[in-house]
Amino acid sequence: MSRAFRVSLFAALAAAAGLRAERLPFRVFTTADGLAGDTVREIFQDSRGYLWIGTSSGLSRFGGRSFRNYDTRDGLGGVRIDGIVDALAGLGG
């Protein structure tokens, strides 16, 4: 093992030892929590801060505590959601 390689390896290990990953809170939501479907296809945060989750079974809006679900009874053309846009963003919404 060459001296340059050993020095490089030591420097890399020393730098890596100083790095620490931050553990962020993580929660998994399912239909049992109120999500429209368990297969998430799209996630979008609108200009008001709501998370919109498009699933294969409908659209869910999450405000931090609970879900409000939308489907064909609410005017959706179908329940499979493949894309979400913020229609109010351009209106100062």
PDB file of N, CA and C in Angstrom:
ATOM      1  N   MET A   1       0.857  -1.167   0.000  1.00  0.00           N
ATOM      2  CA  MET A   1       0.000   0.000   0.000  1.00  0.00           C
ATOM      3  C   MET A   1       0.905   1.232   0.000  1.00  0.00           C
ATOM      4  N   SER A   2       0.682   2.118  -0.963  1.00  0.00           N
ATOM      5  CA  SER A   2       1.543   3.301  -1.081  1.00  0.00           C
ATOM      6  C   SER A   2       1.234   4.306   0.024  1.00  0.00           C
ATOM      7  N   ARG A   3       2.208   5.134   0.319  1.00  0.00           N
ATOM      8  CA  ARG A   3       2.045   6.169   1.353  1.00  0.00           C
ATOM      9  C   ARG A   3       0.929   7.139   0.983  1.00  0.00           C
ATOM     10  N   ALA A   4       0.854   7.544  -0.285  1.00  0.00           N
ATOM     11  CA  ALA A   4      -0.187   8.484  -0.711  1.00  0.00           C
ATOM     12  C   ALA A   4      -1.577   7.878  -0.506  1.00  0.00           C
ATOM     13  N   PHE A   5      -1.710   6.587  -0.815  1.00  0.00           N
ATOM     14  CA  PHE A   5      -2.995   5.922  -0.642  1.00  0.00           C
ATOM     15  C   PHE A   5      -3.372   5.864   0.834  1.00  0.00           C
ATOM     16  N   ARG A   6      -2.412   5.522   1.699  1.00  0.00           N
ATOM     17  CA  ARG A   6      -2.692   5.447   3.138  1.00  0.00           C
ATOM     18  C   ARG A   6      -3.092   6.812   3.690  1.00  0.00           C
ATOM     19  N   VAL A   7      -2.420   7.869   3.254  1.00  0.00           N
ATOM     20  CA  VAL A   7      -2.756   9.221   3.712  1.00  0.00           C
ATOM     21  C   VAL A   7      -4.157   9.591   3.242  1.00  0.00           C
ATOM     22  N   SER A   8      -4.483   9.286   1.986  1.00  0.00           N
ATOM     23  CA  SER A   8      -5.814   9.580   1.443  1.00  0.00           C
ATOM     24  C   SER A   8      -6.890   8.804   2.184  1.00  0.00           C
ATOM     25  N   LEU A   9      -6.629   7.517   2.442  1.00  0.00           N
ATOM     26  CA  LEU A   9      -7.579   6.683   3.165  1.00  0.00           C
ATOM     27  C   LEU A   9      -7.790   7.207   4.578  1.00  0.00           C
ATOM     28  N   PHE A  10      -6.722   7.571   5.259  1.00  0.00           N
ATOM     29  CA  PHE A  10      -6.821   8.118   6.613  1.00  0.00           C
ATOM     30  C   PHE A  10      -7.636   9.409   6.607  1.00  0.00           C
ATOM     31  N   ALA A  11      -7.384  10.289   5.656  1.00  0.00           N
ATOM     32  CA  ALA A  11      -8.119  11.563   5.574  1.00  0.00           C
ATOM     33  C   ALA A  11      -9.605  11.321   5.327  1.00  0.00           C
ATOM     34  N   ALA A  12      -9.919  10.384   4.445  1.00  0.00           N
ATOM     35  CA  ALA A  12     -11.315  10.078   4.148  1.00  0.00           C
ATOM     36  C   ALA A  12     -12.021   9.497   5.368  1.00  0.00           C
ATOM     37  N   LEU A  13     -11.372   8.577   6.068  1.00  0.00           N
ATOM     38  CA  LEU A  13     -11.972   7.983   7.271  1.00  0.00           C
ATOM     39  C   LEU A  13     -12.134   9.014   8.379  1.00  0.00           C
ATOM     40  N   ALA A  14     -11.160   9.890   8.528  1.00  0.00           N
ATOM     41  CA  ALA A  14     -11.247  10.930   9.553  1.00  0.00           C
ATOM     42  C   ALA A  14     -12.399  11.888   9.257  1.00  0.00           C
ATOM     43  N   ALA A  15     -12.554  12.242   7.994  1.00  0.00           N
ATOM     44  CA  ALA A  15     -13.648  13.146   7.612  1.00  0.00           C
ATOM     45  C   ALA A  15     -14.996  12.467   7.819  1.00  0.00           C
ATOM     46  N   ALA A  16     -15.110  11.200   7.448  1.00  0.00           N
ATOM     47  CA  ALA A  16     -16.367  10.468   7.594  1.00  0.00           C
ATOM     48  C   ALA A  16     -16.739  10.284   9.062  1.00  0.00           C
ATOM     49  N   ALA A  17     -15.750  10.126   9.918  1.00  0.00           N
ATOM     50  CA  ALA A  17     -16.022   9.932  11.344  1.00  0.00           C
ATOM     51  C   ALA A  17     -16.654  11.178  11.954  1.00  0.00           C
ATOM     52  N   GLY A  18     -16.354  12.336  11.402  1.00  0.00           N
ATOM     53  CA  GLY A  18     -16.912  13.574  11.930  1.00  0.00           C
ATOM     54  C   GLY A  18     -18.322  13.861  11.458  1.00  0.00           C
ATOM     55  N   LEU A  19     -18.801  13.133  10.467  1.00  0.00           N
ATOM     56  CA  LEU A  19     -20.144  13.348   9.936  1.00  0.00           C
ATOM     57  C   LEU A  19     -21.159  12.562  10.754  1.00  0.00           C
ATOM     58  N   ARG A  20     -22.274  13.191  11.034  1.00  0.00           N
ATOM     59  CA  ARG A  20     -23.353  12.512  11.757  1.00  0.00           C
ATOM     60  C   ARG A  20     -24.657  12.788  11.032  1.00  0.00           C
ATOM     61  N   ALA A  21     -25.412  11.769  10.813  1.00  0.00           N
ATOM     62  CA  ALA A  21     -26.704  11.918  10.147  1.00  0.00           C
ATOM     63  C   ALA A  21     -27.729  12.424  11.154  1.00  0.00           C
ATOM     64  N   GLU A  22     -28.542  13.356  10.710  1.00  0.00           N
ATOM     65  CA  GLU A  22     -29.615  13.871  11.554  1.00  0.00           C
ATOM     66  C   GLU A  22     -30.827  12.968  11.393  1.00  0.00           C
ATOM     67  N   ARG A  23     -31.417  12.555  12.487  1.00  0.00           N
ATOM     68  CA  ARG A  23     -32.614  11.711  12.433  1.00  0.00           C
ATOM     69  C   ARG A  23     -33.833  12.600  12.504  1.00  0.00           C
ATOM     70  N   LEU A  24     -34.601  12.598  11.434  1.00  0.00           N
ATOM     71  CA  LEU A  24     -35.811  13.398  11.372  1.00  0.00           C
ATOM     72  C   LEU A  24     -37.022  12.523  11.674  1.00  0.00           C
ATOM     73  N   PRO A  25     -38.066  13.108  12.261  1.00  0.00           N
ATOM     74  CA  PRO A  25     -39.266  12.308  12.523  1.00  0.00           C
ATOM     75  C   PRO A  25     -39.885  11.862  11.199  1.00  0.00           C
ATOM     76  N   PHE A  26     -40.339  10.639  11.156  1.00  0.00           N
ATOM     77  CA  PHE A  26     -40.904  10.068   9.941  1.00  0.00           C
ATOM     78  C   PHE A  26     -42.154   9.296  10.309  1.00  0.00           C
ATOM     79  N   ARG A  27     -43.231   9.533   9.584  1.00  0.00           N
ATOM     80  CA  ARG A  27     -44.499   8.861   9.858  1.00  0.00           C
ATOM     81  C   ARG A  27     -45.047   8.321   8.556  1.00  0.00           C
ATOM     82  N   VAL A  28     -45.512   7.098   8.556  1.00  0.00           N
ATOM     83  CA  VAL A  28     -46.135   6.476   7.396  1.00  0.00           C
ATOM     84  C   VAL A  28     -47.644   6.555   7.576  1.00  0.00           C
ATOM     85  N   PHE A  29     -48.330   7.089   6.577  1.00  0.00           N
ATOM     86  CA  PHE A  29     -49.786   7.158   6.597  1.00  0.00           C
ATOM     87  C   PHE A  29     -50.357   6.135   5.633  1.00  0.00           C
ATOM     88  N   THR A  30     -51.478   5.548   6.003  1.00  0.00           N
ATOM     89  CA  THR A  30     -52.159   4.569   5.165  1.00  0.00           C
ATOM     90  C   THR A  30     -53.644   4.929   5.096  1.00  0.00           C
ATOM     91  N   THR A  31     -54.406   4.075   4.435  1.00  0.00           N
ATOM     92  CA  THR A  31     -55.852   4.290   4.379  1.00  0.00           C
ATOM     93  C   THR A  31     -56.472   4.223   5.773  1.00  0.00           C
ATOM     94  N   ALA A  32     -55.845   3.504   6.686  1.00  0.00           N
ATOM     95  CA  ALA A  32     -56.342   3.452   8.064  1.00  0.00           C
ATOM     96  C   ALA A  32     -56.269   4.821   8.740  1.00  0.00           C
ATOM     97  N   ASP A  33     -55.360   5.682   8.260  1.00  0.00           N
ATOM     98  CA  ASP A  33     -55.228   7.046   8.797  1.00  0.00           C
ATOM     99  C   ASP A  33     -56.101   8.040   8.039  1.00  0.00           C
ATOM    100  N   GLY A  34     -56.730   7.595   6.944  1.00  0.00           N
ATOM    101  CA  GLY A  34     -57.597   8.465   6.164  1.00  0.00           C
ATOM    102  C   GLY A  34     -57.103   8.782   4.772  1.00  0.00           C
ATOM    103  N   LEU A  35     -55.931   8.316   4.391  1.00  0.00           N
ATOM    104  CA  LEU A  35     -55.406   8.537   3.043  1.00  0.00           C
ATOM    105  C   LEU A  35     -56.311   7.843   2.030  1.00  0.00           C
ATOM    106  N   ALA A  36     -56.539   8.474   0.870  1.00  0.00           N
ATOM    107  CA  ALA A  36     -57.464   7.930  -0.129  1.00  0.00           C
ATOM    108  C   ALA A  36     -57.053   6.556  -0.637  1.00  0.00           C
ATOM    109  N   GLY A  37     -55.765   6.306  -0.758  1.00  0.00           N
ATOM    110  CA  GLY A  37     -55.290   5.012  -1.231  1.00  0.00           C
ATOM    111  C   GLY A  37     -53.869   4.782  -0.768  1.00  0.00           C
ATOM    112  N   ASP A  38     -53.451   3.528  -0.749  1.00  0.00           N
ATOM    113  CA  ASP A  38     -52.107   3.195  -0.276  1.00  0.00           C
ATOM    114  C   ASP A  38     -51.039   3.295  -1.365  1.00  0.00           C
ATOM    115  N   THR A  39     -51.428   3.440  -2.618  1.00  0.00           N
ATOM    116  CA  THR A  39     -50.458   3.583  -3.705  1.00  0.00           C
ATOM    117  C   THR A  39     -50.349   5.058  -4.075  1.00  0.00           C
ATOM    118  N   VAL A  40     -49.314   5.732  -3.572  1.00  0.00           N
ATOM    119  CA  VAL A  40     -49.124   7.160  -3.818  1.00  0.00           C
ATOM    120  C   VAL A  40     -48.420   7.347  -5.151  1.00  0.00           C
ATOM    121  N   ARG A  41     -49.002   8.208  -6.002  1.00  0.00           N
ATOM    122  CA  ARG A  41     -48.465   8.458  -7.336  1.00  0.00           C
ATOM    123  C   ARG A  41     -47.862   9.861  -7.454  1.00  0.00           C
ATOM    124  N   GLU A  42     -48.309  10.787  -6.624  1.00  0.00           N
ATOM    125  CA  GLU A  42     -47.867  12.184  -6.731  1.00  0.00           C
ATOM    126  C   GLU A  42     -48.047  12.862  -5.380  1.00  0.00           C
ATOM    127  N   ILE A  43     -47.095  13.717  -5.018  1.00  0.00           N
ATOM    128  CA  ILE A  43     -47.217  14.537  -3.810  1.00  0.00           C
ATOM    129  C   ILE A  43     -46.878  15.964  -4.203  1.00  0.00           C
ATOM    130  N   PHE A  44     -47.701  16.910  -3.740  1.00  0.00           N
ATOM    131  CA  PHE A  44     -47.525  18.316  -4.109  1.00  0.00           C
ATOM    132  C   PHE A  44     -47.882  19.183  -2.906  1.00  0.00           C
ATOM    133  N   GLN A  45     -47.075  20.198  -2.621  1.00  0.00           N
ATOM    134  CA  GLN A  45     -47.415  21.172  -1.581  1.00  0.00           C
ATOM    135  C   GLN A  45     -47.865  22.443  -2.262  1.00  0.00           C
ATOM    136  N   ASP A  46     -49.088  22.891  -1.942  1.00  0.00           N
ATOM    137  CA  ASP A  46     -49.619  24.085  -2.598  1.00  0.00           C
ATOM    138  C   ASP A  46     -49.141  25.363  -1.920  1.00  0.00           C
ATOM    139  N   SER A  47     -49.562  26.505  -2.465  1.00  0.00           N
ATOM    140  CA  SER A  47     -49.120  27.800  -1.970  1.00  0.00           C
ATOM    141  C   SER A  47     -49.648  28.118  -0.574  1.00  0.00           C
ATOM    142  N   ARG A  48     -50.627  27.361  -0.099  1.00  0.00           N
ATOM    143  CA  ARG A  48     -51.172  27.556   1.247  1.00  0.00           C
ATOM    144  C   ARG A  48     -50.539  26.613   2.277  1.00  0.00           C
ATOM    145  N   GLY A  49     -49.705  25.693   1.801  1.00  0.00           N
ATOM    146  CA  GLY A  49     -49.031  24.767   2.703  1.00  0.00           C
ATOM    147  C   GLY A  49     -49.663  23.391   2.797  1.00  0.00           C
ATOM    148  N   TYR A  50     -50.814  23.191   2.150  1.00  0.00           N
ATOM    149  CA  TYR A  50     -51.434  21.871   2.163  1.00  0.00           C
ATOM    150  C   TYR A  50     -50.623  20.897   1.325  1.00  0.00           C
ATOM    151  N   LEU A  51     -50.561  19.643   1.778  1.00  0.00           N
ATOM    152  CA  LEU A  51     -49.992  18.572   0.974  1.00  0.00           C
ATOM    153  C   LEU A  51     -51.130  17.879   0.245  1.00  0.00           C
ATOM    154  N   TRP A  52     -50.993  17.764  -1.065  1.00  0.00           N
ATOM    155  CA  TRP A  52     -51.956  17.047  -1.889  1.00  0.00           C
ATOM    156  C   TRP A  52     -51.298  15.746  -2.304  1.00  0.00           C
ATOM    157  N   ILE A  53     -51.954  14.650  -2.010  1.00  0.00           N
ATOM    158  CA  ILE A  53     -51.407  13.329  -2.298  1.00  0.00           C
ATOM    159  C   ILE A  53     -52.321  12.650  -3.307  1.00  0.00           C
ATOM    160  N   GLY A  54     -51.790  12.428  -4.504  1.00  0.00           N
ATOM    161  CA  GLY A  54     -52.536  11.724  -5.536  1.00  0.00           C
ATOM    162  C   GLY A  54     -52.262  10.239  -5.427  1.00  0.00           C
ATOM    163  N   THR A  55     -53.308   9.461  -5.339  1.00  0.00           N
ATOM    164  CA  THR A  55     -53.169   8.013  -5.217  1.00  0.00           C
ATOM    165  C   THR A  55     -53.881   7.333  -6.383  1.00  0.00           C
ATOM    166  N   SER A  56     -53.809   6.040  -6.414  1.00  0.00           N
ATOM    167  CA  SER A  56     -54.529   5.298  -7.452  1.00  0.00           C
ATOM    168  C   SER A  56     -56.008   5.155  -7.107  1.00  0.00           C
ATOM    169  N   SER A  57     -56.407   5.668  -5.925  1.00  0.00           N
ATOM    170  CA  SER A  57     -57.803   5.565  -5.493  1.00  0.00           C
ATOM    171  C   SER A  57     -58.452   6.914  -5.232  1.00  0.00           C
ATOM    172  N   GLY A  58     -57.767   8.011  -5.552  1.00  0.00           N
ATOM    173  CA  GLY A  58     -58.335   9.330  -5.323  1.00  0.00           C
ATOM    174  C   GLY A  58     -57.282  10.331  -4.892  1.00  0.00           C
ATOM    175  N   LEU A  59     -57.755  11.499  -4.499  1.00  0.00           N
ATOM    176  CA  LEU A  59     -56.896  12.615  -4.119  1.00  0.00           C
ATOM    177  C   LEU A  59     -57.119  12.937  -2.648  1.00  0.00           C
ATOM    178  N   SER A  60     -56.043  13.133  -1.895  1.00  0.00           N
ATOM    179  CA  SER A  60     -56.136  13.494  -0.477  1.00  0.00           C
ATOM    180  C   SER A  60     -55.444  14.828  -0.245  1.00  0.00           C
ATOM    181  N   ARG A  61     -56.060  15.655   0.586  1.00  0.00           N
ATOM    182  CA  ARG A  61     -55.432  16.901   1.033  1.00  0.00           C
ATOM    183  C   ARG A  61     -55.101  16.722   2.513  1.00  0.00           C
ATOM    184  N   PHE A  62     -53.843  16.999   2.863  1.00  0.00           N
ATOM    185  CA  PHE A  62     -53.397  16.838   4.243  1.00  0.00           C
ATOM    186  C   PHE A  62     -52.959  18.181   4.778  1.00  0.00           C
ATOM    187  N   GLY A  63     -53.559  18.595   5.894  1.00  0.00           N
ATOM    188  CA  GLY A  63     -53.229  19.873   6.502  1.00  0.00           C
ATOM    189  C   GLY A  63     -52.375  19.759   7.747  1.00  0.00           C
ATOM    190  N   GLY A  64     -51.871  18.575   8.041  1.00  0.00           N
ATOM    191  CA  GLY A  64     -51.027  18.391   9.206  1.00  0.00           C
ATOM    192  C   GLY A  64     -51.654  17.526  10.278  1.00  0.00           C
ATOM    193  N   ARG A  65     -52.969  17.428  10.272  1.00  0.00           N
ATOM    194  CA  ARG A  65     -53.657  16.628  11.282  1.00  0.00           C
ATOM    195  C   ARG A  65     -54.546  15.548  10.681  1.00  0.00           C
ATOM    196  N   SER A  66     -55.243  15.878   9.610  1.00  0.00           N
ATOM    197  CA  SER A  66     -56.183  14.917   9.036  1.00  0.00           C
ATOM    198  C   SER A  66     -56.230  15.064   7.520  1.00  0.00           C
ATOM    199  N   PHE A  67     -56.860  14.094   6.882  1.00  0.00           N
ATOM    200  CA  PHE A  67     -57.001  14.068   5.430  1.00  0.00           C
ATOM    201  C   PHE A  67     -58.408  14.460   5.024  1.00  0.00           C
ATOM    202  N   ARG A  68     -58.515  15.160   3.920  1.00  0.00           N
ATOM    203  CA  ARG A  68     -59.794  15.406   3.232  1.00  0.00           C
ATOM    204  C   ARG A  68     -59.638  14.760   1.874  1.00  0.00           C
ATOM    205  N   ASN A  69     -60.516  13.810   1.555  1.00  0.00           N
ATOM    206  CA  ASN A  69     -60.395  13.047   0.319  1.00  0.00           C
ATOM    207  C   ASN A  69     -61.372  13.512  -0.742  1.00  0.00           C
ATOM    208  N   TYR A  70     -60.941  13.399  -1.994  1.00  0.00           N
ATOM    209  CA  TYR A  70     -61.741  13.781  -3.155  1.00  0.00           C
ATOM    210  C   TYR A  70     -61.739  12.617  -4.138  1.00  0.00           C
ATOM    211  N   ASP A  71     -62.902  12.428  -4.797  1.00  0.00           N
ATOM    212  CA  ASP A  71     -62.999  11.390  -5.825  1.00  0.00           C
ATOM    213  C   ASP A  71     -63.979  11.858  -6.898  1.00  0.00           C
ATOM    214  N   THR A  72     -64.520  10.947  -7.672  1.00  0.00           N
ATOM    215  CA  THR A  72     -65.414  11.327  -8.776  1.00  0.00           C
ATOM    216  C   THR A  72     -66.674  12.028  -8.270  1.00  0.00           C
ATOM    217  N   ARG A  73     -67.113  11.760  -7.065  1.00  0.00           N
ATOM    218  CA  ARG A  73     -68.284  12.453  -6.502  1.00  0.00           C
ATOM    219  C   ARG A  73     -68.012  13.934  -6.272  1.00  0.00           C
ATOM    220  N   ASP A  74     -66.719  14.302  -6.202  1.00  0.00           N
ATOM    221  CA  ASP A  74     -66.319  15.697  -6.005  1.00  0.00           C
ATOM    222  C   ASP A  74     -65.914  16.367  -7.304  1.00  0.00           C
ATOM    223  N   GLY A  75     -66.112  15.674  -8.434  1.00  0.00           N
ATOM    224  CA  GLY A  75     -65.821  16.277  -9.724  1.00  0.00           C
ATOM    225  C   GLY A  75     -64.562  15.795 -10.412  1.00  0.00           C
ATOM    226  N   LEU A  76     -63.827  14.883  -9.804  1.00  0.00           N
ATOM    227  CA  LEU A  76     -62.650  14.339 -10.485  1.00  0.00           C
ATOM    228  C   LEU A  76     -63.099  13.484 -11.666  1.00  0.00           C
ATOM    229  N   GLY A  77     -62.346  13.561 -12.751  1.00  0.00           N
ATOM    230  CA  GLY A  77     -62.673  12.772 -13.933  1.00  0.00           C
ATOM    231  C   GLY A  77     -62.440  11.293 -13.727  1.00  0.00           C
ATOM    232  N   GLY A  78     -61.598  10.932 -12.785  1.00  0.00           N
ATOM    233  CA  GLY A  78     -61.291   9.550 -12.440  1.00  0.00           C
ATOM    234  C   GLY A  78     -60.566   9.548 -11.115  1.00  0.00           C
ATOM    235  N   VAL A  79     -60.347   8.382 -10.547  1.00  0.00           N
ATOM    236  CA  VAL A  79     -59.718   8.342  -9.228  1.00  0.00           C
ATOM    237  C   VAL A  79     -58.205   8.199  -9.288  1.00  0.00           C
ATOM    238  N   ARG A  80     -57.653   7.778 -10.415  1.00  0.00           N
ATOM    239  CA  ARG A  80     -56.193   7.642 -10.523  1.00  0.00           C
ATOM    240  C   ARG A  80     -55.593   9.017 -10.801  1.00  0.00           C
ATOM    241  N   ILE A  81     -54.759   9.500  -9.883  1.00  0.00           N
ATOM    242  CA  ILE A  81     -54.166  10.828  -9.987  1.00  0.00           C
ATOM    243  C   ILE A  81     -52.717  10.687 -10.441  1.00  0.00           C
ATOM    244  N   ASP A  82     -52.387  11.300 -11.582  1.00  0.00           N
ATOM    245  CA  ASP A  82     -51.030  11.222 -12.123  1.00  0.00           C
ATOM    246  C   ASP A  82     -50.278  12.542 -12.076  1.00  0.00           C
ATOM    247  N   GLY A  83     -50.944  13.645 -11.757  1.00  0.00           N
ATOM    248  CA  GLY A  83     -50.279  14.939 -11.706  1.00  0.00           C
ATOM    249  C   GLY A  83     -51.130  15.942 -10.949  1.00  0.00           C
ATOM    250  N   ILE A  84     -50.466  16.858 -10.245  1.00  0.00           N
ATOM    251  CA  ILE A  84     -51.153  17.881  -9.451  1.00  0.00           C
ATOM    252  C   ILE A  84     -50.482  19.215  -9.724  1.00  0.00           C
ATOM    253  N   VAL A  85     -51.281  20.269  -9.942  1.00  0.00           N
ATOM    254  CA  VAL A  85     -50.757  21.619 -10.102  1.00  0.00           C
ATOM    255  C   VAL A  85     -51.518  22.562  -9.174  1.00  0.00           C
ATOM    256  N   ASP A  86     -50.901  23.672  -8.828  1.00  0.00           N
ATOM    257  CA  ASP A  86     -51.521  24.669  -7.960  1.00  0.00           C
ATOM    258  C   ASP A  86     -52.186  25.708  -8.838  1.00  0.00           C
ATOM    259  N   ALA A  87     -53.474  25.574  -9.071  1.00  0.00           N
ATOM    260  CA  ALA A  87     -54.207  26.490  -9.947  1.00  0.00           C
ATOM    261  C   ALA A  87     -54.324  27.894  -9.331  1.00  0.00           C
ATOM    262  N   LEU A  88     -54.242  28.008  -8.018  1.00  0.00           N
ATOM    263  CA  LEU A  88     -54.366  29.308  -7.357  1.00  0.00           C
ATOM    264  C   LEU A  88     -53.064  30.072  -7.264  1.00  0.00           C
ATOM    265  N   ALA A  89     -51.934  29.414  -7.497  1.00  0.00           N
ATOM    266  CA  ALA A  89     -50.627  30.061  -7.331  1.00  0.00           C
ATOM    267  C   ALA A  89     -50.510  31.311  -8.186  1.00  0.00           C
ATOM    268  N   GLY A  90     -50.991  31.266  -9.405  1.00  0.00           N
ATOM    269  CA  GLY A  90     -50.907  32.407 -10.302  1.00  0.00           C
ATOM    270  C   GLY A  90     -51.932  33.485 -10.002  1.00  0.00           C
ATOM    271  N   LEU A  91     -52.887  33.203  -9.112  1.00  0.00           N
ATOM    272  CA  LEU A  91     -53.940  34.161  -8.770  1.00  0.00           C
ATOM    273  C   LEU A  91     -53.689  34.836  -7.433  1.00  0.00           C
ATOM    274  N   GLY A  92     -52.498  34.621  -6.878  1.00  0.00           N
ATOM    275  CA  GLY A  92     -52.187  35.217  -5.573  1.00  0.00           C
ATOM    276  C   GLY A  92     -52.802  34.454  -4.434  1.00  0.00           C
ATOM    277  N   GLY A  93     -53.257  33.210  -4.712  1.00  0.00           N
ATOM    278  CA  GLY A  93     -54.016  32.371  -3.828  1.00  0.00           C
ATOM    279  C   GLY A  93     -53.423  31.954  -2.590  1.00  0.00           C
TER     280      GLY A  93
END
